[in-house]
Amino acid sequence: MGSIAGCRGFEIHRAAVGFALVPPDQPELKILHRWLDCWRGVGDMVTGMGRRGYRLHLTNIDASTWRATFSRDAMISAEGFGADRTPWGAVQKVASEALRRAVAKDL
């Protein structure tokens, strides 16, 4: 598959994921959060990560906690882990971690 950082649109995807983790204090961030902080945002995040070879595992472990992992191979450990009170928060955290690890691996 080659370098993940060389994939088309990687930097834009990485920026969107990174800014999604910033509290929406500014109008521009409010727009981004309106897009990503919902089930539609989870779907878009999963689609983008899927284009990079990742598969999502999302679990509601109790009434107020969601756990997400992304992996490229179901038989090896996850390449990122995130937990949050919302499914989109967990997915955003794990996407950020997985992309950070991918860039570090390419260096």
C-alpha atoms as a PDB file:
ATOM      1  CA  MET A   1       0.000   0.000   0.000  1.00  0.00           C
ATOM      2  CA  GLY A   2       2.978   2.328   0.488  1.00  0.00           C
ATOM      3  CA  SER A   3       3.233   5.444   2.584  1.00  0.00           C
ATOM      4  CA  ILE A   4      -0.065   6.513   4.136  1.00  0.00           C
ATOM      5  CA  ALA A   5       1.088  10.126   4.218  1.00  0.00           C
ATOM      6  CA  GLY A   6       1.393   9.968   0.431  1.00  0.00           C
ATOM      7  CA  CYS A   7      -2.296   9.070   0.001  1.00  0.00           C
ATOM      8  CA  ARG A   8      -4.477  11.601  -1.794  1.00  0.00           C
ATOM      9  CA  GLY A   9      -6.131  14.021   0.610  1.00  0.00           C
ATOM     10  CA  PHE A  10      -4.210  12.775   3.654  1.00  0.00           C
ATOM     11  CA  GLU A  11      -3.199  16.209   4.953  1.00  0.00           C
ATOM     12  CA  ILE A  12      -6.738  17.610   4.618  1.00  0.00           C
ATOM     13  CA  HIS A  13      -8.170  14.608   6.453  1.00  0.00           C
ATOM     14  CA  ARG A  14      -5.518  14.860   9.161  1.00  0.00           C
ATOM     15  CA  ALA A  15      -6.249  18.591   9.616  1.00  0.00           C
ATOM     16  CA  ALA A  16     -10.020  18.006   9.908  1.00  0.00           C
ATOM     17  CA  VAL A  17      -9.451  15.279  12.493  1.00  0.00           C
ATOM     18  CA  GLY A  18      -7.044  17.474  14.446  1.00  0.00           C
ATOM     19  CA  PHE A  19      -9.333  20.511  14.493  1.00  0.00           C
ATOM     20  CA  ALA A  20     -12.283  18.322  15.511  1.00  0.00           C
ATOM     21  CA  LEU A  21     -10.502  17.804  18.839  1.00  0.00           C
ATOM     22  CA  VAL A  22     -10.328  21.574  19.498  1.00  0.00           C
ATOM     23  CA  PRO A  23     -13.278  23.019  21.472  1.00  0.00           C
ATOM     24  CA  PRO A  24     -15.634  24.994  19.182  1.00  0.00           C
ATOM     25  CA  ASP A  25     -14.905  28.475  20.552  1.00  0.00           C
ATOM     26  CA  GLN A  26     -14.575  30.158  17.147  1.00  0.00           C
ATOM     27  CA  PRO A  27     -17.207  30.329  14.361  1.00  0.00           C
ATOM     28  CA  GLU A  28     -15.056  28.271  11.980  1.00  0.00           C
ATOM     29  CA  LEU A  29     -14.696  25.503  14.549  1.00  0.00           C
ATOM     30  CA  LYS A  30     -18.441  25.564  15.253  1.00  0.00           C
ATOM     31  CA  ILE A  31     -19.051  24.789  11.578  1.00  0.00           C
ATOM     32  CA  LEU A  32     -16.578  21.897  11.683  1.00  0.00           C
ATOM     33  CA  HIS A  33     -18.163  20.511  14.852  1.00  0.00           C
ATOM     34  CA  ARG A  34     -21.659  20.781  13.350  1.00  0.00           C
ATOM     35  CA  TRP A  35     -20.399  18.554  10.546  1.00  0.00           C
ATOM     36  CA  LEU A  36     -18.404  16.029  12.590  1.00  0.00           C
ATOM     37  CA  ASP A  37     -20.217  15.846  15.964  1.00  0.00           C
ATOM     38  CA  CYS A  38     -23.061  13.590  14.803  1.00  0.00           C
ATOM     39  CA  TRP A  39     -23.618  10.170  13.231  1.00  0.00           C
ATOM     40  CA  ARG A  40     -23.078  11.668   9.762  1.00  0.00           C
ATOM     41  CA  GLY A  41     -19.657  12.848  10.966  1.00  0.00           C
ATOM     42  CA  VAL A  42     -18.860   9.341  12.214  1.00  0.00           C
ATOM     43  CA  GLY A  43     -19.747   7.996   8.773  1.00  0.00           C
ATOM     44  CA  ASP A  44     -17.585  10.552   6.995  1.00  0.00           C
ATOM     45  CA  MET A  45     -14.676   9.860   9.356  1.00  0.00           C
ATOM     46  CA  VAL A  46     -15.016   6.100   8.821  1.00  0.00           C
ATOM     47  CA  THR A  47     -15.137   6.612   5.041  1.00  0.00           C
ATOM     48  CA  GLY A  48     -11.982   8.736   5.095  1.00  0.00           C
ATOM     49  CA  MET A  49     -10.118   6.285   7.316  1.00  0.00           C
ATOM     50  CA  GLY A  50     -11.375   3.391   5.177  1.00  0.00           C
ATOM     51  CA  ARG A  51      -9.727   5.000   2.149  1.00  0.00           C
ATOM     52  CA  ARG A  52      -6.463   4.720   4.073  1.00  0.00           C
ATOM     53  CA  GLY A  53      -7.015   1.026   4.806  1.00  0.00           C
ATOM     54  CA  TYR A  54      -8.436   1.298   8.329  1.00  0.00           C
ATOM     55  CA  ARG A  55     -11.498  -0.456   9.740  1.00  0.00           C
ATOM     56  CA  LEU A  56     -13.464   0.907  12.691  1.00  0.00           C
ATOM     57  CA  HIS A  57     -14.505  -1.066  15.759  1.00  0.00           C
ATOM     58  CA  LEU A  58     -17.009   0.967  17.819  1.00  0.00           C
ATOM     59  CA  THR A  59     -18.487  -0.263  21.093  1.00  0.00           C
ATOM     60  CA  ASN A  60     -20.917   1.278  23.565  1.00  0.00           C
ATOM     61  CA  ILE A  61     -19.382  -0.124  26.753  1.00  0.00           C
ATOM     62  CA  ASP A  62     -21.859   1.500  29.149  1.00  0.00           C
ATOM     63  CA  ALA A  63     -24.524   4.204  29.191  1.00  0.00           C
ATOM     64  CA  SER A  64     -22.001   7.046  29.068  1.00  0.00           C
ATOM     65  CA  THR A  65     -18.900   5.599  27.401  1.00  0.00           C
ATOM     66  CA  TRP A  66     -18.083   4.740  23.809  1.00  0.00           C
ATOM     67  CA  ARG A  67     -14.840   3.018  22.813  1.00  0.00           C
ATOM     68  CA  ALA A  68     -13.400   3.087  19.294  1.00  0.00           C
ATOM     69  CA  THR A  69     -10.389   1.484  17.661  1.00  0.00           C
ATOM     70  CA  PHE A  70      -9.036   1.610  14.113  1.00  0.00           C
ATOM     71  CA  SER A  71      -6.976  -1.226  12.712  1.00  0.00           C
ATOM     72  CA  ARG A  72      -5.679  -2.236   9.308  1.00  0.00           C
ATOM     73  CA  ASP A  73      -5.716  -5.947  10.113  1.00  0.00           C
ATOM     74  CA  ALA A  74      -8.272  -7.616  12.384  1.00  0.00           C
ATOM     75  CA  MET A  75      -5.671 -10.138  13.532  1.00  0.00           C
ATOM     76  CA  ILE A  76      -3.235  -7.601  15.019  1.00  0.00           C
ATOM     77  CA  SER A  77      -3.583  -4.951  17.695  1.00  0.00           C
ATOM     78  CA  ALA A  78      -5.394  -1.706  16.989  1.00  0.00           C
ATOM     79  CA  GLU A  79      -3.421   1.246  15.661  1.00  0.00           C
ATOM     80  CA  GLY A  80      -5.350   3.682  17.792  1.00  0.00           C
ATOM     81  CA  PHE A  81      -7.759   3.739  20.736  1.00  0.00           C
ATOM     82  CA  GLY A  82     -10.238   6.372  21.844  1.00  0.00           C
ATOM     83  CA  ALA A  83     -12.931   6.585  24.503  1.00  0.00           C
ATOM     84  CA  ASP A  84     -15.457   9.362  25.011  1.00  0.00           C
ATOM     85  CA  ARG A  85     -19.007  10.003  26.198  1.00  0.00           C
ATOM     86  CA  THR A  86     -20.117  10.292  22.545  1.00  0.00           C
ATOM     87  CA  PRO A  87     -19.447   7.930  19.633  1.00  0.00           C
ATOM     88  CA  TRP A  88     -18.137  10.788  17.476  1.00  0.00           C
ATOM     89  CA  GLY A  89     -15.750  11.924  20.219  1.00  0.00           C
ATOM     90  CA  ALA A  90     -14.329   8.416  20.494  1.00  0.00           C
ATOM     91  CA  VAL A  91     -13.976   8.108  16.700  1.00  0.00           C
ATOM     92  CA  GLN A  92     -12.283  11.519  16.397  1.00  0.00           C
ATOM     93  CA  LYS A  93      -9.789  10.666  19.137  1.00  0.00           C
ATOM     94  CA  VAL A  94      -8.904   7.294  17.660  1.00  0.00           C
ATOM     95  CA  ALA A  95      -8.597   8.677  14.121  1.00  0.00           C
ATOM     96  CA  SER A  96      -6.186  11.320  15.381  1.00  0.00           C
ATOM     97  CA  GLU A  97      -4.096   8.688  17.168  1.00  0.00           C
ATOM     98  CA  ALA A  98      -4.031   6.306  14.193  1.00  0.00           C
ATOM     99  CA  LEU A  99      -3.029   9.075  11.769  1.00  0.00           C
ATOM    100  CA  ARG A 100      -0.349  10.351  14.164  1.00  0.00           C
ATOM    101  CA  ARG A 101       1.116   6.843  14.371  1.00  0.00           C
ATOM    102  CA  ALA A 102       1.007   6.477  10.582  1.00  0.00           C
ATOM    103  CA  VAL A 103       2.975   9.691  10.099  1.00  0.00           C
ATOM    104  CA  ALA A 104       5.514   8.669  12.767  1.00  0.00           C
ATOM    105  CA  LYS A 105       5.934   5.311  11.041  1.00  0.00           C
ATOM    106  CA  ASP A 106       6.623   7.055   7.702  1.00  0.00           C
ATOM    107  CA  LEU A 107       9.360   9.296   9.164  1.00  0.00           C
END
